[in-house]
Amino acid sequence: MEQIIDKPLSFEIITPTNNQFANAITFNYEELKNGLITRLSHYESMVYNEDQIKQAKEDRANLNKLKTNIDNERKRIKNEIYKEYEPFNEKVKELINLCDKPINKINDSIKSYETEQKKIKRNNLENYYKSLVEGKVDFININFEKIEISEWSNLSFSMTKAKKAIDERVRQITEDFLTIQTFADYKDVLIDKYIETLDLGEVLREKSRLEQYQETILKEQNRKVCIYPKKEQVNDQVFYKKTFKVSATKEQLVILQNCLLTNNIDFEVI
């Protein structure tokens, strides 16, 4: 873009100069103020009788006349001043509107530039994240969008600080996966839950819920007595065979499978 080298534009009042502006408008302010305060004090304590009503009405008429005169003079002075001010005001508003046009154009250019720079910065951060998790099986289903914080891409947020935040996020996720790997039961379900939420607290709550659910199922199974057709007898033990077809959630299927394994029951997945 060609650089503008002209003298910077400035707004200058040519006439009137400072000493040509109208002097302060003077009038008998103190006299009127003190007179009105005195009358107010007088009338606040006044209790009119029948003989004083006429005087009260005259006083009211005189004060209303004075009030009207004061306000009319205020309007007259204002109109006199505005005769010169209004043309000046219209010209100034026109200049302000003309200023807004290049300002808006410049704003659009700056916004477009910053948007592009934010996009470039975000791509760099995403590539940095991918370089950290490349080859790590746990991170296959965790893309950059899942760990991203929008302020990282702001131009005011330093790249160094953003990378440190990504480092910390990757470290924390790695530790959380190691913790989940120590859970003997429901591991697959809990890993799925963690990938969905990236919140170890949510995983622990889900683990507790599944354990309570399994405990409830086992209590219910122990309560029931089921008789099945005899299959065979081995070493004085009678075995029975029953075919089931179940419809359940992934979590419930895991619980069912763990229940069978816990009770040393032979089963076959068809």
Foldseek 3Di string as FASTA:
>chain_A
DDDDDDDDDDDDDDPPDPVPPDDDDDDPVVVVVVVVVVVVVVVVPDDDDPVCVVVVVVVVVVVVVVVVVVVVVVVVVVVVVVVVVVVVVVVVVVVVVVVVVVVVVVVVVVVVVQVVQLVVLVVVLQVLLCVVCPPPPLCPLPHPVNQDDSCCSHPVRDSVNSNVSSVVLVVLLVVLLVVLVPDPAPSVVLSVVCSVPVDSVVSVVVVVVLVVVLVVVVVVVVVDDDDAPWDDADPNDTDHDDDDDDDDDPSVVSSVVVVCVVVVHDDDDD
